[in-house]
Amino acid sequence: DEDSGAPPIALDFLAPTDDPQSLGRLGTYEVRGVVGRGGTGIVLKAFDASLNRFVAIKVLDPHLAGNGAARKRFAREGRAAAAITQEQIVPIYAVSEHQGLPFIVMQYISGQSLQQ
């Protein structure tokens, strides 16, 4: 759920979908909504039809996708988080890329944001 004080999040990087419940597709995932945004990324709620579950997808902000240093930091974040298996850390399911835009797929946990 987007911050009301932030500018709207452009989702023009999503591929078209035939699913009326989705905003678009990111790779094989049907994007159902925006969870939030941070300094370098956008978090989306998506449906993984192959495993019949919702996931959270953190996408590198498209305006940073051409920045080599930002891409390296993002990839490092994904690898570091995937290497940790603790109850307090959200599990990483995949690190991938869609049309040049890197993203990290992780467990979706419903509820309030950390800010709330």
PDB file of N, CA and C in Angstrom:
ATOM      1  N   ASP A   1       0.838  -1.172   0.000  1.00  0.00           N
ATOM      2  CA  ASP A   1       0.000   0.000   0.000  1.00  0.00           C
ATOM      3  C   ASP A   1       0.886   1.239   0.000  1.00  0.00           C
ATOM      4  N   GLU A   2       0.679   2.067  -0.993  1.00  0.00           N
ATOM      5  CA  GLU A   2       1.564   3.208  -1.216  1.00  0.00           C
ATOM      6  C   GLU A   2       1.430   4.273  -0.145  1.00  0.00           C
ATOM      7  N   ASP A   3       2.535   4.966   0.105  1.00  0.00           N
ATOM      8  CA  ASP A   3       2.552   6.130   0.989  1.00  0.00           C
ATOM      9  C   ASP A   3       1.716   7.219   0.342  1.00  0.00           C
ATOM     10  N   SER A   4       0.857   7.857   1.095  1.00  0.00           N
ATOM     11  CA  SER A   4       0.002   8.886   0.504  1.00  0.00           C
ATOM     12  C   SER A   4       0.779  10.156   0.154  1.00  0.00           C
ATOM     13  N   GLY A   5       1.936  10.392   0.806  1.00  0.00           N
ATOM     14  CA  GLY A   5       2.708  11.591   0.528  1.00  0.00           C
ATOM     15  C   GLY A   5       3.693  11.441  -0.609  1.00  0.00           C
ATOM     16  N   ALA A   6       3.910  10.238  -1.076  1.00  0.00           N
ATOM     17  CA  ALA A   6       4.885   9.980  -2.137  1.00  0.00           C
ATOM     18  C   ALA A   6       4.219  10.095  -3.507  1.00  0.00           C
ATOM     19  N   PRO A   7       5.008  10.433  -4.527  1.00  0.00           N
ATOM     20  CA  PRO A   7       4.428  10.475  -5.872  1.00  0.00           C
ATOM     21  C   PRO A   7       3.996   9.070  -6.289  1.00  0.00           C
ATOM     22  N   PRO A   8       3.043   8.961  -7.200  1.00  0.00           N
ATOM     23  CA  PRO A   8       2.581   7.645  -7.618  1.00  0.00           C
ATOM     24  C   PRO A   8       3.728   6.821  -8.210  1.00  0.00           C
ATOM     25  N   ILE A   9       3.633   5.535  -8.026  1.00  0.00           N
ATOM     26  CA  ILE A   9       4.657   4.625  -8.535  1.00  0.00           C
ATOM     27  C   ILE A   9       4.280   4.220  -9.951  1.00  0.00           C
ATOM     28  N   ALA A  10       5.179   4.474 -10.894  1.00  0.00           N
ATOM     29  CA  ALA A  10       4.950   4.085 -12.282  1.00  0.00           C
ATOM     30  C   ALA A  10       5.233   2.599 -12.424  1.00  0.00           C
ATOM     31  N   LEU A  11       4.297   1.870 -12.975  1.00  0.00           N
ATOM     32  CA  LEU A  11       4.454   0.432 -13.155  1.00  0.00           C
ATOM     33  C   LEU A  11       4.550   0.068 -14.630  1.00  0.00           C
ATOM     34  N   ASP A  12       5.074   0.999 -15.428  1.00  0.00           N
ATOM     35  CA  ASP A  12       5.147   0.758 -16.868  1.00  0.00           C
ATOM     36  C   ASP A  12       6.157  -0.314 -17.249  1.00  0.00           C
ATOM     37  N   PHE A  13       6.923  -0.822 -16.289  1.00  0.00           N
ATOM     38  CA  PHE A  13       7.871  -1.909 -16.546  1.00  0.00           C
ATOM     39  C   PHE A  13       7.168  -3.267 -16.541  1.00  0.00           C
ATOM     40  N   LEU A  14       5.908  -3.310 -16.096  1.00  0.00           N
ATOM     41  CA  LEU A  14       5.170  -4.567 -16.067  1.00  0.00           C
ATOM     42  C   LEU A  14       4.686  -4.930 -17.465  1.00  0.00           C
ATOM     43  N   ALA A  15       4.703  -6.217 -17.749  1.00  0.00           N
ATOM     44  CA  ALA A  15       4.187  -6.722 -19.023  1.00  0.00           C
ATOM     45  C   ALA A  15       2.666  -6.806 -18.930  1.00  0.00           C
ATOM     46  N   PRO A  16       1.987  -6.760 -20.065  1.00  0.00           N
ATOM     47  CA  PRO A  16       0.520  -6.877 -20.055  1.00  0.00           C
ATOM     48  C   PRO A  16       0.082  -8.242 -19.516  1.00  0.00           C
ATOM     49  N   THR A  17      -1.137  -8.285 -19.027  1.00  0.00           N
ATOM     50  CA  THR A  17      -1.706  -9.526 -18.507  1.00  0.00           C
ATOM     51  C   THR A  17      -3.145  -9.668 -18.962  1.00  0.00           C
ATOM     52  N   ASP A  18      -3.625 -10.911 -18.986  1.00  0.00           N
ATOM     53  CA  ASP A  18      -5.032 -11.180 -19.279  1.00  0.00           C
ATOM     54  C   ASP A  18      -5.836 -11.343 -17.995  1.00  0.00           C
ATOM     55  N   ASP A  19      -5.152 -11.351 -16.857  1.00  0.00           N
ATOM     56  CA  ASP A  19      -5.796 -11.560 -15.563  1.00  0.00           C
ATOM     57  C   ASP A  19      -6.398 -10.238 -15.074  1.00  0.00           C
ATOM     58  N   PRO A  20      -7.728 -10.160 -14.942  1.00  0.00           N
ATOM     59  CA  PRO A  20      -8.351  -8.905 -14.522  1.00  0.00           C
ATOM     60  C   PRO A  20      -8.002  -8.493 -13.089  1.00  0.00           C
ATOM     61  N   GLN A  21      -7.490  -9.411 -12.260  1.00  0.00           N
ATOM     62  CA  GLN A  21      -7.111  -9.093 -10.882  1.00  0.00           C
ATOM     63  C   GLN A  21      -5.692  -8.527 -10.801  1.00  0.00           C
ATOM     64  N   SER A  22      -4.957  -8.572 -11.905  1.00  0.00           N
ATOM     65  CA  SER A  22      -3.550  -8.182 -11.888  1.00  0.00           C
ATOM     66  C   SER A  22      -3.309  -6.822 -12.518  1.00  0.00           C
ATOM     67  N   LEU A  23      -2.255  -6.161 -12.033  1.00  0.00           N
ATOM     68  CA  LEU A  23      -1.820  -4.891 -12.612  1.00  0.00           C
ATOM     69  C   LEU A  23      -0.941  -5.121 -13.832  1.00  0.00           C
ATOM     70  N   GLY A  24      -0.367  -6.320 -13.928  1.00  0.00           N
ATOM     71  CA  GLY A  24       0.536  -6.683 -15.012  1.00  0.00           C
ATOM     72  C   GLY A  24       1.368  -7.865 -14.583  1.00  0.00           C
ATOM     73  N   ARG A  25       2.315  -8.247 -15.453  1.00  0.00           N
ATOM     74  CA  ARG A  25       3.170  -9.397 -15.165  1.00  0.00           C
ATOM     75  C   ARG A  25       4.613  -8.952 -15.013  1.00  0.00           C
ATOM     76  N   LEU A  26       5.312  -9.647 -14.138  1.00  0.00           N
ATOM     77  CA  LEU A  26       6.753  -9.472 -13.994  1.00  0.00           C
ATOM     78  C   LEU A  26       7.329 -10.867 -14.094  1.00  0.00           C
ATOM     79  N   GLY A  27       7.902 -11.186 -15.249  1.00  0.00           N
ATOM     80  CA  GLY A  27       8.337 -12.565 -15.489  1.00  0.00           C
ATOM     81  C   GLY A  27       7.117 -13.464 -15.463  1.00  0.00           C
ATOM     82  N   THR A  28       7.147 -14.491 -14.602  1.00  0.00           N
ATOM     83  CA  THR A  28       6.023 -15.426 -14.514  1.00  0.00           C
ATOM     84  C   THR A  28       5.027 -15.048 -13.422  1.00  0.00           C
ATOM     85  N   TYR A  29       5.222 -13.920 -12.787  1.00  0.00           N
ATOM     86  CA  TYR A  29       4.406 -13.518 -11.643  1.00  0.00           C
ATOM     87  C   TYR A  29       3.326 -12.521 -12.047  1.00  0.00           C
ATOM     88  N   GLU A  30       2.110 -12.730 -11.527  1.00  0.00           N
ATOM     89  CA  GLU A  30       0.996 -11.810 -11.733  1.00  0.00           C
ATOM     90  C   GLU A  30       1.013 -10.797 -10.594  1.00  0.00           C
ATOM     91  N   VAL A  31       1.269  -9.545 -10.907  1.00  0.00           N
ATOM     92  CA  VAL A  31       1.377  -8.504  -9.887  1.00  0.00           C
ATOM     93  C   VAL A  31      -0.019  -8.028  -9.504  1.00  0.00           C
ATOM     94  N   ARG A  32      -0.329  -8.128  -8.201  1.00  0.00           N
ATOM     95  CA  ARG A  32      -1.661  -7.785  -7.705  1.00  0.00           C
ATOM     96  C   ARG A  32      -1.712  -6.420  -7.037  1.00  0.00           C
ATOM     97  N   GLY A  33      -0.555  -5.895  -6.605  1.00  0.00           N
ATOM     98  CA  GLY A  33      -0.590  -4.602  -5.949  1.00  0.00           C
ATOM     99  C   GLY A  33       0.779  -4.124  -5.541  1.00  0.00           C
ATOM    100  N   VAL A  34       0.831  -2.887  -5.075  1.00  0.00           N
ATOM    101  CA  VAL A  34       2.068  -2.288  -4.574  1.00  0.00           C
ATOM    102  C   VAL A  34       2.011  -2.329  -3.056  1.00  0.00           C
ATOM    103  N   VAL A  35       3.048  -2.908  -2.444  1.00  0.00           N
ATOM    104  CA  VAL A  35       3.131  -2.978  -0.987  1.00  0.00           C
ATOM    105  C   VAL A  35       3.782  -1.713  -0.443  1.00  0.00           C
ATOM    106  N   GLY A  36       4.838  -1.254  -1.124  1.00  0.00           N
ATOM    107  CA  GLY A  36       5.525  -0.056  -0.671  1.00  0.00           C
ATOM    108  C   GLY A  36       6.718   0.273  -1.538  1.00  0.00           C
ATOM    109  N   ARG A  37       7.445   1.282  -1.094  1.00  0.00           N
ATOM    110  CA  ARG A  37       8.638   1.690  -1.832  1.00  0.00           C
ATOM    111  C   ARG A  37       9.689   2.108  -0.825  1.00  0.00           C
ATOM    112  N   GLY A  38      10.939   1.996  -1.254  1.00  0.00           N
ATOM    113  CA  GLY A  38      12.055   2.418  -0.422  1.00  0.00           C
ATOM    114  C   GLY A  38      12.966   3.303  -1.236  1.00  0.00           C
ATOM    115  N   GLY A  39      14.174   3.508  -0.741  1.00  0.00           N
ATOM    116  CA  GLY A  39      15.115   4.378  -1.416  1.00  0.00           C
ATOM    117  C   GLY A  39      15.577   3.852  -2.763  1.00  0.00           C
ATOM    118  N   THR A  40      15.648   2.523  -2.906  1.00  0.00           N
ATOM    119  CA  THR A  40      16.162   1.958  -4.153  1.00  0.00           C
ATOM    120  C   THR A  40      15.212   0.971  -4.801  1.00  0.00           C
ATOM    121  N   GLY A  41      14.064   0.732  -4.196  1.00  0.00           N
ATOM    122  CA  GLY A  41      13.209  -0.291  -4.773  1.00  0.00           C
ATOM    123  C   GLY A  41      11.741  -0.097  -4.500  1.00  0.00           C
ATOM    124  N   ILE A  42      10.974  -0.943  -5.177  1.00  0.00           N
ATOM    125  CA  ILE A  42       9.526  -0.993  -5.068  1.00  0.00           C
ATOM    126  C   ILE A  42       9.180  -2.423  -4.672  1.00  0.00           C
ATOM    127  N   VAL A  43       8.296  -2.584  -3.701  1.00  0.00           N
ATOM    128  CA  VAL A  43       7.875  -3.923  -3.295  1.00  0.00           C
ATOM    129  C   VAL A  43       6.456  -4.158  -3.788  1.00  0.00           C
ATOM    130  N   LEU A  44       6.284  -5.266  -4.479  1.00  0.00           N
ATOM    131  CA  LEU A  44       5.004  -5.621  -5.076  1.00  0.00           C
ATOM    132  C   LEU A  44       4.462  -6.902  -4.451  1.00  0.00           C
ATOM    133  N   LYS A  45       3.153  -7.015  -4.398  1.00  0.00           N
ATOM    134  CA  LYS A  45       2.516  -8.272  -4.038  1.00  0.00           C
ATOM    135  C   LYS A  45       2.153  -8.953  -5.343  1.00  0.00           C
ATOM    136  N   ALA A  46       2.553 -10.217  -5.484  1.00  0.00           N
ATOM    137  CA  ALA A  46       2.309 -10.924  -6.735  1.00  0.00           C
ATOM    138  C   ALA A  46       1.866 -12.351  -6.454  1.00  0.00           C
ATOM    139  N   PHE A  47       1.282 -12.966  -7.463  1.00  0.00           N
ATOM    140  CA  PHE A  47       0.844 -14.356  -7.351  1.00  0.00           C
ATOM    141  C   PHE A  47       1.739 -15.229  -8.214  1.00  0.00           C
ATOM    142  N   ASP A  48       2.239 -16.290  -7.597  1.00  0.00           N
ATOM    143  CA  ASP A  48       3.071 -17.281  -8.292  1.00  0.00           C
ATOM    144  C   ASP A  48       2.163 -18.469  -8.596  1.00  0.00           C
ATOM    145  N   ALA A  49       1.653 -18.537  -9.821  1.00  0.00           N
ATOM    146  CA  ALA A  49       0.693 -19.582 -10.192  1.00  0.00           C
ATOM    147  C   ALA A  49       1.323 -20.974 -10.149  1.00  0.00           C
ATOM    148  N   SER A  50       2.610 -21.069 -10.465  1.00  0.00           N
ATOM    149  CA  SER A  50       3.252 -22.390 -10.489  1.00  0.00           C
ATOM    150  C   SER A  50       3.290 -23.035  -9.110  1.00  0.00           C
ATOM    151  N   LEU A  51       3.338 -22.234  -8.048  1.00  0.00           N
ATOM    152  CA  LEU A  51       3.360 -22.762  -6.686  1.00  0.00           C
ATOM    153  C   LEU A  51       2.100 -22.400  -5.900  1.00  0.00           C
ATOM    154  N   ASN A  52       1.138 -21.743  -6.578  1.00  0.00           N
ATOM    155  CA  ASN A  52      -0.139 -21.384  -5.991  1.00  0.00           C
ATOM    156  C   ASN A  52       0.014 -20.631  -4.667  1.00  0.00           C
ATOM    157  N   ARG A  53       0.821 -19.564  -4.699  1.00  0.00           N
ATOM    158  CA  ARG A  53       1.027 -18.770  -3.482  1.00  0.00           C
ATOM    159  C   ARG A  53       1.351 -17.326  -3.849  1.00  0.00           C
ATOM    160  N   PHE A  54       1.088 -16.448  -2.882  1.00  0.00           N
ATOM    161  CA  PHE A  54       1.468 -15.055  -3.041  1.00  0.00           C
ATOM    162  C   PHE A  54       2.924 -14.889  -2.636  1.00  0.00           C
ATOM    163  N   VAL A  55       3.592 -13.962  -3.291  1.00  0.00           N
ATOM    164  CA  VAL A  55       4.984 -13.638  -2.987  1.00  0.00           C
ATOM    165  C   VAL A  55       5.117 -12.121  -2.942  1.00  0.00           C
ATOM    166  N   ALA A  56       6.184 -11.675  -2.324  1.00  0.00           N
ATOM    167  CA  ALA A  56       6.557 -10.262  -2.370  1.00  0.00           C
ATOM    168  C   ALA A  56       7.727 -10.161  -3.337  1.00  0.00           C
ATOM    169  N   ILE A  57       7.701  -9.164  -4.180  1.00  0.00           N
ATOM    170  CA  ILE A  57       8.787  -8.970  -5.144  1.00  0.00           C
ATOM    171  C   ILE A  57       9.357  -7.572  -4.946  1.00  0.00           C
ATOM    172  N   LYS A  58      10.648  -7.535  -4.630  1.00  0.00           N
ATOM    173  CA  LYS A  58      11.334  -6.246  -4.537  1.00  0.00           C
ATOM    174  C   LYS A  58      12.023  -6.013  -5.881  1.00  0.00           C
ATOM    175  N   VAL A  59      11.647  -4.926  -6.527  1.00  0.00           N
ATOM    176  CA  VAL A  59      12.182  -4.571  -7.847  1.00  0.00           C
ATOM    177  C   VAL A  59      13.106  -3.372  -7.677  1.00  0.00           C
ATOM    178  N   LEU A  60      14.266  -3.428  -8.296  1.00  0.00           N
ATOM    179  CA  LEU A  60      15.147  -2.260  -8.303  1.00  0.00           C
ATOM    180  C   LEU A  60      14.398  -1.125  -8.995  1.00  0.00           C
ATOM    181  N   ASP A  61      14.381   0.036  -8.391  1.00  0.00           N
ATOM    182  CA  ASP A  61      13.680   1.173  -8.982  1.00  0.00           C
ATOM    183  C   ASP A  61      14.158   1.346 -10.425  1.00  0.00           C
ATOM    184  N   PRO A  62      13.223   1.393 -11.384  1.00  0.00           N
ATOM    185  CA  PRO A  62      13.622   1.461 -12.796  1.00  0.00           C
ATOM    186  C   PRO A  62      14.609   2.583 -13.123  1.00  0.00           C
ATOM    187  N   HIS A  63      14.542   3.716 -12.407  1.00  0.00           N
ATOM    188  CA  HIS A  63      15.484   4.802 -12.717  1.00  0.00           C
ATOM    189  C   HIS A  63      16.911   4.455 -12.289  1.00  0.00           C
ATOM    190  N   LEU A  64      17.089   3.389 -11.489  1.00  0.00           N
ATOM    191  CA  LEU A  64      18.431   2.948 -11.083  1.00  0.00           C
ATOM    192  C   LEU A  64      18.922   1.729 -11.869  1.00  0.00           C
ATOM    193  N   ALA A  65      18.076   1.177 -12.726  1.00  0.00           N
ATOM    194  CA  ALA A  65      18.421  -0.060 -13.432  1.00  0.00           C
ATOM    195  C   ALA A  65      19.662   0.081 -14.319  1.00  0.00           C
ATOM    196  N   GLY A  66      19.934   1.273 -14.807  1.00  0.00           N
ATOM    197  CA  GLY A  66      21.116   1.490 -15.641  1.00  0.00           C
ATOM    198  C   GLY A  66      22.367   1.832 -14.852  1.00  0.00           C
ATOM    199  N   ASN A  67      22.236   1.943 -13.532  1.00  0.00           N
ATOM    200  CA  ASN A  67      23.354   2.305 -12.663  1.00  0.00           C
ATOM    201  C   ASN A  67      24.055   1.024 -12.201  1.00  0.00           C
ATOM    202  N   GLY A  68      25.276   0.814 -12.678  1.00  0.00           N
ATOM    203  CA  GLY A  68      26.028  -0.402 -12.376  1.00  0.00           C
ATOM    204  C   GLY A  68      26.225  -0.624 -10.887  1.00  0.00           C
ATOM    205  N   ALA A  69      26.543   0.424 -10.143  1.00  0.00           N
ATOM    206  CA  ALA A  69      26.764   0.291  -8.698  1.00  0.00           C
ATOM    207  C   ALA A  69      25.473  -0.104  -7.989  1.00  0.00           C
ATOM    208  N   ALA A  70      24.351   0.485  -8.387  1.00  0.00           N
ATOM    209  CA  ALA A  70      23.057   0.161  -7.770  1.00  0.00           C
ATOM    210  C   ALA A  70      22.680  -1.286  -8.070  1.00  0.00           C
ATOM    211  N   ARG A  71      22.938  -1.729  -9.295  1.00  0.00           N
ATOM    212  CA  ARG A  71      22.639  -3.114  -9.670  1.00  0.00           C
ATOM    213  C   ARG A  71      23.488  -4.086  -8.853  1.00  0.00           C
ATOM    214  N   LYS A  72      24.749  -3.768  -8.652  1.00  0.00           N
ATOM    215  CA  LYS A  72      25.634  -4.643  -7.861  1.00  0.00           C
ATOM    216  C   LYS A  72      25.176  -4.704  -6.411  1.00  0.00           C
ATOM    217  N   ARG A  73      24.815  -3.553  -5.835  1.00  0.00           N
ATOM    218  CA  ARG A  73      24.317  -3.535  -4.450  1.00  0.00           C
ATOM    219  C   ARG A  73      23.042  -4.361  -4.317  1.00  0.00           C
ATOM    220  N   PHE A  74      22.154  -4.222  -5.288  1.00  0.00           N
ATOM    221  CA  PHE A  74      20.886  -4.948  -5.269  1.00  0.00           C
ATOM    222  C   PHE A  74      21.131  -6.458  -5.341  1.00  0.00           C
ATOM    223  N   ALA A  75      22.020  -6.869  -6.239  1.00  0.00           N
ATOM    224  CA  ALA A  75      22.358  -8.299  -6.370  1.00  0.00           C
ATOM    225  C   ALA A  75      23.004  -8.815  -5.090  1.00  0.00           C
ATOM    226  N   ARG A  76      23.880  -8.008  -4.505  1.00  0.00           N
ATOM    227  CA  ARG A  76      24.549  -8.398  -3.257  1.00  0.00           C
ATOM    228  C   ARG A  76      23.516  -8.560  -2.140  1.00  0.00           C
ATOM    229  N   GLU A  77      22.537  -7.655  -2.087  1.00  0.00           N
ATOM    230  CA  GLU A  77      21.474  -7.747  -1.086  1.00  0.00           C
ATOM    231  C   GLU A  77      20.711  -9.071  -1.229  1.00  0.00           C
ATOM    232  N   GLY A  78      20.375  -9.413  -2.450  1.00  0.00           N
ATOM    233  CA  GLY A  78      19.642 -10.664  -2.699  1.00  0.00           C
ATOM    234  C   GLY A  78      20.434 -11.884  -2.287  1.00  0.00           C
ATOM    235  N   ARG A  79      21.706 -11.918  -2.650  1.00  0.00           N
ATOM    236  CA  ARG A  79      22.560 -13.063  -2.287  1.00  0.00           C
ATOM    237  C   ARG A  79      22.738 -13.150  -0.777  1.00  0.00           C
ATOM    238  N   ALA A  80      22.963 -12.013  -0.134  1.00  0.00           N
ATOM    239  CA  ALA A  80      23.170 -12.000   1.314  1.00  0.00           C
ATOM    240  C   ALA A  80      21.918 -12.480   2.049  1.00  0.00           C
ATOM    241  N   ALA A  81      20.757 -11.989   1.638  1.00  0.00           N
ATOM    242  CA  ALA A  81      19.509 -12.391   2.289  1.00  0.00           C
ATOM    243  C   ALA A  81      19.214 -13.871   2.040  1.00  0.00           C
ATOM    244  N   ALA A  82      19.525 -14.360   0.851  1.00  0.00           N
ATOM    245  CA  ALA A  82      19.281 -15.768   0.525  1.00  0.00           C
ATOM    246  C   ALA A  82      20.185 -16.702   1.322  1.00  0.00           C
ATOM    247  N   ALA A  83      21.335 -16.218   1.735  1.00  0.00           N
ATOM    248  CA  ALA A  83      22.291 -17.044   2.467  1.00  0.00           C
ATOM    249  C   ALA A  83      21.906 -17.226   3.937  1.00  0.00           C
ATOM    250  N   ILE A  84      20.949 -16.434   4.405  1.00  0.00           N
ATOM    251  CA  ILE A  84      20.559 -16.476   5.813  1.00  0.00           C
ATOM    252  C   ILE A  84      19.274 -17.283   5.970  1.00  0.00           C
ATOM    253  N   THR A  85      19.286 -18.227   6.876  1.00  0.00           N
ATOM    254  CA  THR A  85      18.068 -18.966   7.189  1.00  0.00           C
ATOM    255  C   THR A  85      17.812 -18.845   8.686  1.00  0.00           C
ATOM    256  N   GLN A  86      17.032 -17.854   9.022  1.00  0.00           N
ATOM    257  CA  GLN A  86      16.628 -17.620  10.404  1.00  0.00           C
ATOM    258  C   GLN A  86      15.155 -17.270  10.417  1.00  0.00           C
ATOM    259  N   GLU A  87      14.509 -17.567  11.515  1.00  0.00           N
ATOM    260  CA  GLU A  87      13.079 -17.323  11.632  1.00  0.00           C
ATOM    261  C   GLU A  87      12.728 -15.848  11.445  1.00  0.00           C
ATOM    262  N   GLN A  88      13.626 -14.933  11.824  1.00  0.00           N
ATOM    263  CA  GLN A  88      13.347 -13.500  11.752  1.00  0.00           C
ATOM    264  C   GLN A  88      13.624 -12.905  10.367  1.00  0.00           C
ATOM    265  N   ILE A  89      14.194 -13.674   9.456  1.00  0.00           N
ATOM    266  CA  ILE A  89      14.543 -13.195   8.123  1.00  0.00           C
ATOM    267  C   ILE A  89      13.580 -13.791   7.100  1.00  0.00           C
ATOM    268  N   VAL A  90      13.009 -12.942   6.271  1.00  0.00           N
ATOM    269  CA  VAL A  90      12.089 -13.401   5.230  1.00  0.00           C
ATOM    270  C   VAL A  90      12.865 -14.245   4.207  1.00  0.00           C
ATOM    271  N   PRO A  91      12.396 -15.458   3.921  1.00  0.00           N
ATOM    272  CA  PRO A  91      13.104 -16.309   2.957  1.00  0.00           C
ATOM    273  C   PRO A  91      13.055 -15.747   1.532  1.00  0.00           C
ATOM    274  N   ILE A  92      14.179 -15.884   0.839  1.00  0.00           N
ATOM    275  CA  ILE A  92      14.289 -15.478  -0.566  1.00  0.00           C
ATOM    276  C   ILE A  92      14.021 -16.705  -1.433  1.00  0.00           C
ATOM    277  N   TYR A  93      13.121 -16.566  -2.399  1.00  0.00           N
ATOM    278  CA  TYR A  93      12.789 -17.668  -3.301  1.00  0.00           C
ATOM    279  C   TYR A  93      13.565 -17.602  -4.608  1.00  0.00           C
ATOM    280  N   ALA A  94      13.858 -16.393  -5.071  1.00  0.00           N
ATOM    281  CA  ALA A  94      14.543 -16.252  -6.363  1.00  0.00           C
ATOM    282  C   ALA A  94      15.126 -14.857  -6.498  1.00  0.00           C
ATOM    283  N   VAL A  95      16.190 -14.760  -7.278  1.00  0.00           N
ATOM    284  CA  VAL A  95      16.754 -13.481  -7.717  1.00  0.00           C
ATOM    285  C   VAL A  95      16.768 -13.583  -9.234  1.00  0.00           C
ATOM    286  N   SER A  96      16.104 -12.652  -9.887  1.00  0.00           N
ATOM    287  CA  SER A  96      15.961 -12.755 -11.336  1.00  0.00           C
ATOM    288  C   SER A  96      15.970 -11.374 -11.967  1.00  0.00           C
ATOM    289  N   GLU A  97      15.659 -11.350 -13.255  1.00  0.00           N
ATOM    290  CA  GLU A  97      15.637 -10.108 -14.014  1.00  0.00           C
ATOM    291  C   GLU A  97      14.551 -10.205 -15.074  1.00  0.00           C
ATOM    292  N   HIS A  98      13.869  -9.099 -15.311  1.00  0.00           N
ATOM    293  CA  HIS A  98      12.841  -9.035 -16.348  1.00  0.00           C
ATOM    294  C   HIS A  98      13.112  -7.805 -17.196  1.00  0.00           C
ATOM    295  N   GLN A  99      13.436  -8.018 -18.460  1.00  0.00           N
ATOM    296  CA  GLN A  99      13.725  -6.934 -19.405  1.00  0.00           C
ATOM    297  C   GLN A  99      14.725  -5.930 -18.827  1.00  0.00           C
ATOM    298  N   GLY A 100      15.807  -6.459 -18.240  1.00  0.00           N
ATOM    299  CA  GLY A 100      16.875  -5.613 -17.721  1.00  0.00           C
ATOM    300  C   GLY A 100      16.633  -5.063 -16.326  1.00  0.00           C
ATOM    301  N   LEU A 101      15.504  -5.400 -15.714  1.00  0.00           N
ATOM    302  CA  LEU A 101      15.163  -4.893 -14.390  1.00  0.00           C
ATOM    303  C   LEU A 101      15.299  -6.017 -13.360  1.00  0.00           C
ATOM    304  N   PRO A 102      16.297  -5.916 -12.461  1.00  0.00           N
ATOM    305  CA  PRO A 102      16.489  -6.972 -11.467  1.00  0.00           C
ATOM    306  C   PRO A 102      15.408  -6.959 -10.394  1.00  0.00           C
ATOM    307  N   PHE A 103      15.091  -8.160  -9.894  1.00  0.00           N
ATOM    308  CA  PHE A 103      14.122  -8.262  -8.807  1.00  0.00           C
ATOM    309  C   PHE A 103      14.420  -9.459  -7.926  1.00  0.00           C
ATOM    310  N   ILE A 104      13.937  -9.371  -6.685  1.00  0.00           N
ATOM    311  CA  ILE A 104      14.119 -10.415  -5.677  1.00  0.00           C
ATOM    312  C   ILE A 104      12.727 -10.893  -5.266  1.00  0.00           C
ATOM    313  N   VAL A 105      12.513 -12.206  -5.324  1.00  0.00           N
ATOM    314  CA  VAL A 105      11.234 -12.792  -4.948  1.00  0.00           C
ATOM    315  C   VAL A 105      11.384 -13.400  -3.555  1.00  0.00           C
ATOM    316  N   MET A 106      10.455 -13.034  -2.673  1.00  0.00           N
ATOM    317  CA  MET A 106      10.542 -13.525  -1.294  1.00  0.00           C
ATOM    318  C   MET A 106       9.158 -13.879  -0.765  1.00  0.00           C
ATOM    319  N   GLN A 107       9.145 -14.463   0.406  1.00  0.00           N
ATOM    320  CA  GLN A 107       7.894 -14.812   1.053  1.00  0.00           C
ATOM    321  C   GLN A 107       7.063 -13.552   1.265  1.00  0.00           C
ATOM    322  N   TYR A 108       5.762 -13.659   0.981  1.00  0.00           N
ATOM    323  CA  TYR A 108       4.846 -12.558   1.245  1.00  0.00           C
ATOM    324  C   TYR A 108       4.293 -12.752   2.649  1.00  0.00           C
ATOM    325  N   ILE A 109       4.401 -11.722   3.460  1.00  0.00           N
ATOM    326  CA  ILE A 109       3.855 -11.759   4.814  1.00  0.00           C
ATOM    327  C   ILE A 109       2.844 -10.631   4.927  1.00  0.00           C
ATOM    328  N   SER A 110       1.581 -10.990   5.130  1.00  0.00           N
ATOM    329  CA  SER A 110       0.558  -9.954   5.229  1.00  0.00           C
ATOM    330  C   SER A 110       0.594  -9.342   6.634  1.00  0.00           C
ATOM    331  N   GLY A 111       0.055  -8.157   6.720  1.00  0.00           N
ATOM    332  CA  GLY A 111       0.009  -7.474   7.999  1.00  0.00           C
ATOM    333  C   GLY A 111       0.454  -6.040   7.858  1.00  0.00           C
ATOM    334  N   GLN A 112       0.763  -5.428   8.976  1.00  0.00           N
ATOM    335  CA  GLN A 112       1.177  -4.036   8.975  1.00  0.00           C
ATOM    336  C   GLN A 112       2.633  -3.901   8.533  1.00  0.00           C
ATOM    337  N   SER A 113       2.969  -2.718   8.013  1.00  0.00           N
ATOM    338  CA  SER A 113       4.353  -2.438   7.647  1.00  0.00           C
ATOM    339  C   SER A 113       5.165  -2.189   8.916  1.00  0.00           C
ATOM    340  N   LEU A 114       6.460  -2.193   8.812  1.00  0.00           N
ATOM    341  CA  LEU A 114       7.307  -1.901   9.954  1.00  0.00           C
ATOM    342  C   LEU A 114       7.068  -0.481  10.454  1.00  0.00           C
ATOM    343  N   GLN A 115       6.763   0.452   9.538  1.00  0.00           N
ATOM    344  CA  GLN A 115       6.457   1.829   9.936  1.00  0.00           C
ATOM    345  C   GLN A 115       5.209   1.885  10.804  1.00  0.00           C
ATOM    346  N   GLN A 116       4.208   1.068  10.483  1.00  0.00           N
ATOM    347  CA  GLN A 116       2.961   1.060  11.247  1.00  0.00           C
ATOM    348  C   GLN A 116       3.181   0.407  12.583  1.00  0.00           C
TER     349      GLN A 116
END
